[in-house]
Amino acid sequence: MDTNWNDSLPIYRQLRDRVVAMILEGVLNDGDPLPSVRSVAAEYRLNPLTVLKGYQQLVDENLVEKRRGRGMFETEGARRALLKDERQLFLEEEWPKIASRIQRLGFEPKDLLDKLDTIPPAPASSLTAVRDADEDEDEEDGRE
């Protein structure tokens, strides 16, 4: 995960957004554990309460569930719900601007579709460095 935080949004909100991106990109799947609050706080030098507040937003949105004594886990169907919301948001807010610009520039749909294959994939968001470290520690301790 990028350790640079944007000054325009609270860090807990940026952390929440990064976890959402991980869910949308398939880095986290239904039932997967999130990295522990302590490990994220230590790795990125954040106050644990900041991490907890970001995670709590995910719980409030029913994207993550707390399992007492075990941690936080992605809920069943979280990606599907996020995709539905994100697609609707895109169609309502971003697509009209994009469509208008396409028309102004005189693009043909075929030209755009041909270019689509040449666009490199966006880098995946991750807390995986923390998650992988947690898994390594569990294996060393004999836990899985």
Protein backbone atom coordinates (compact mmCIF):
# COMPACT_ATOMS: atom_id res chain seq x y z
CA MET A 1 0.00 0.00 0.00
CA ASP A 2 1.20 3.47 -0.81
CA THR A 3 2.33 5.22 2.37
CA ASN A 4 1.71 8.69 0.99
CA TRP A 5 -1.46 10.14 2.42
CA ASN A 6 -3.43 12.90 0.72
CA ASP A 7 -4.02 15.98 2.85
CA SER A 8 -7.47 16.57 1.38
CA LEU A 9 -9.11 13.54 3.06
CA PRO A 10 -8.78 12.10 6.57
CA ILE A 11 -6.38 9.13 6.69
CA TYR A 12 -9.07 6.77 8.02
CA ARG A 13 -11.17 7.57 4.94
CA GLN A 14 -8.21 6.98 2.61
CA LEU A 15 -7.54 3.67 4.33
CA ARG A 16 -11.20 2.70 3.88
CA ASP A 17 -11.01 3.66 0.20
CA ARG A 18 -7.88 1.54 -0.28
CA VAL A 19 -9.57 -1.51 1.21
CA VAL A 20 -12.58 -0.88 -1.05
CA ALA A 21 -10.21 -0.76 -4.05
CA MET A 22 -8.68 -4.07 -2.94
CA ILE A 23 -12.15 -5.63 -2.80
CA LEU A 24 -13.11 -4.28 -6.22
CA GLU A 25 -9.81 -5.46 -7.77
CA GLY A 26 -10.19 -8.94 -6.28
CA VAL A 27 -7.15 -8.65 -4.00
CA LEU A 28 -9.55 -9.44 -1.15
CA ASN A 29 -12.33 -11.97 -1.70
CA ASP A 30 -15.43 -13.04 0.21
CA GLY A 31 -14.41 -14.33 3.62
CA ASP A 32 -10.80 -13.12 3.40
CA PRO A 33 -9.31 -11.58 6.54
CA LEU A 34 -8.18 -7.99 6.56
CA PRO A 35 -4.73 -7.32 7.98
CA SER A 36 -4.90 -6.72 11.70
CA VAL A 37 -5.34 -3.19 13.00
CA ARG A 38 -2.05 -3.45 14.87
CA SER A 39 -0.05 -4.64 11.88
CA VAL A 40 -1.42 -1.91 9.57
CA ALA A 41 -0.81 0.72 12.25
CA ALA A 42 2.76 -0.48 12.82
CA GLU A 43 3.62 -0.92 9.15
CA TYR A 44 2.37 2.52 8.09
CA ARG A 45 3.05 4.35 11.35
CA LEU A 46 -0.59 5.16 11.97
CA ASN A 47 -2.47 5.46 15.21
CA PRO A 48 -4.36 2.16 15.74
CA LEU A 49 -7.52 4.20 16.39
CA THR A 50 -7.20 5.69 12.90
CA VAL A 51 -7.00 2.22 11.35
CA LEU A 52 -9.89 1.03 13.51
CA LYS A 53 -12.01 3.99 12.42
CA GLY A 54 -11.36 3.17 8.74
CA TYR A 55 -12.22 -0.48 9.35
CA GLN A 56 -15.33 0.52 11.31
CA GLN A 57 -16.63 2.43 8.29
CA LEU A 58 -16.33 -0.79 6.29
CA VAL A 59 -18.27 -2.63 9.01
CA ASP A 60 -20.95 0.09 8.99
CA GLU A 61 -21.28 -0.36 5.21
CA ASN A 62 -21.62 -4.16 5.64
CA LEU A 63 -18.50 -4.77 3.56
CA VAL A 64 -16.56 -6.22 6.47
CA GLU A 65 -17.63 -8.15 9.54
CA LYS A 66 -15.99 -8.43 12.93
CA ARG A 67 -15.42 -11.90 14.25
CA ARG A 68 -14.75 -11.69 17.94
CA GLY A 69 -11.23 -12.78 18.75
CA ARG A 70 -10.42 -13.50 15.09
CA GLY A 71 -10.39 -10.10 13.37
CA MET A 72 -12.15 -8.48 10.43
CA PHE A 73 -13.27 -10.39 7.34
CA GLU A 74 -14.77 -9.37 4.01
CA THR A 75 -18.47 -10.16 3.97
CA GLU A 76 -20.14 -12.42 1.44
CA GLY A 77 -21.19 -10.38 -1.60
CA ALA A 78 -19.20 -7.26 -0.69
CA ARG A 79 -17.57 -7.04 -4.12
CA ARG A 80 -20.88 -7.50 -5.91
CA ALA A 81 -22.51 -4.72 -3.84
CA LEU A 82 -19.56 -2.39 -4.37
CA LEU A 83 -19.53 -3.02 -8.12
CA LYS A 84 -23.23 -2.23 -8.34
CA ASP A 85 -22.79 1.05 -6.45
CA GLU A 86 -19.59 2.05 -8.28
CA ARG A 87 -21.12 1.33 -11.70
CA GLN A 88 -24.18 3.41 -10.89
CA LEU A 89 -21.99 6.25 -9.62
CA PHE A 90 -19.87 6.08 -12.79
CA LEU A 91 -22.92 6.17 -15.06
CA GLU A 92 -24.46 9.11 -13.20
CA GLU A 93 -21.40 11.26 -12.52
CA GLU A 94 -18.48 10.37 -14.79
CA TRP A 95 -19.95 8.92 -17.97
CA PRO A 96 -21.85 12.05 -19.07
CA LYS A 97 -18.58 14.06 -18.97
CA ILE A 98 -16.67 11.34 -20.81
CA ALA A 99 -19.39 10.88 -23.43
CA SER A 100 -19.53 14.61 -24.04
CA ARG A 101 -15.75 14.79 -24.55
CA ILE A 102 -15.83 11.78 -26.91
CA GLN A 103 -18.45 13.56 -29.02
CA ARG A 104 -16.50 16.85 -29.02
CA LEU A 105 -13.35 15.05 -30.19
CA GLY A 106 -15.23 13.15 -32.88
CA PHE A 107 -14.18 9.65 -31.86
CA GLU A 108 -15.83 6.65 -33.44
CA PRO A 109 -16.78 3.78 -31.08
CA LYS A 110 -14.53 1.36 -33.04
CA ASP A 111 -11.49 3.64 -32.55
CA LEU A 112 -12.07 3.68 -28.80
CA LEU A 113 -12.59 -0.07 -28.56
CA ASP A 114 -9.38 -0.70 -30.54
CA LYS A 115 -7.44 1.51 -28.09
CA LEU A 116 -8.94 -0.26 -25.09
CA ASP A 117 -6.65 -3.26 -25.65
CA THR A 118 -3.53 -1.06 -25.51
CA ILE A 119 -4.27 0.47 -22.10
CA PRO A 120 -2.05 -1.07 -19.41
CA PRO A 121 -3.87 -2.40 -16.36
CA ALA A 122 -3.96 -0.15 -13.33
CA PRO A 123 -1.69 -1.26 -10.49
CA ALA A 124 -3.56 -3.20 -7.83
CA SER A 125 -4.10 -1.51 -4.51
CA SER A 126 -2.95 -3.56 -1.61
CA LEU A 127 -2.40 -4.04 2.02
CA THR A 128 -0.89 -7.35 0.93
CA ALA A 129 2.56 -6.55 2.23
CA VAL A 130 0.98 -6.42 5.67
CA ARG A 131 -1.29 -9.40 4.96
CA ASP A 132 1.59 -11.51 3.62
CA ALA A 133 3.65 -10.63 6.68
CA ASP A 134 0.78 -11.71 8.94
CA GLU A 135 0.56 -15.03 7.10
CA ASP A 136 4.33 -15.56 7.38
CA GLU A 137 4.17 -14.89 11.13
CA ASP A 138 1.27 -17.36 11.50
CA GLU A 139 3.21 -20.05 9.64
CA GLU A 140 6.28 -19.45 11.82
CA ASP A 141 4.12 -19.76 14.93
CA GLY A 142 2.59 -22.95 13.55
CA ARG A 143 -0.81 -21.28 12.99
CA GLU A 144 -2.67 -20.90 9.71
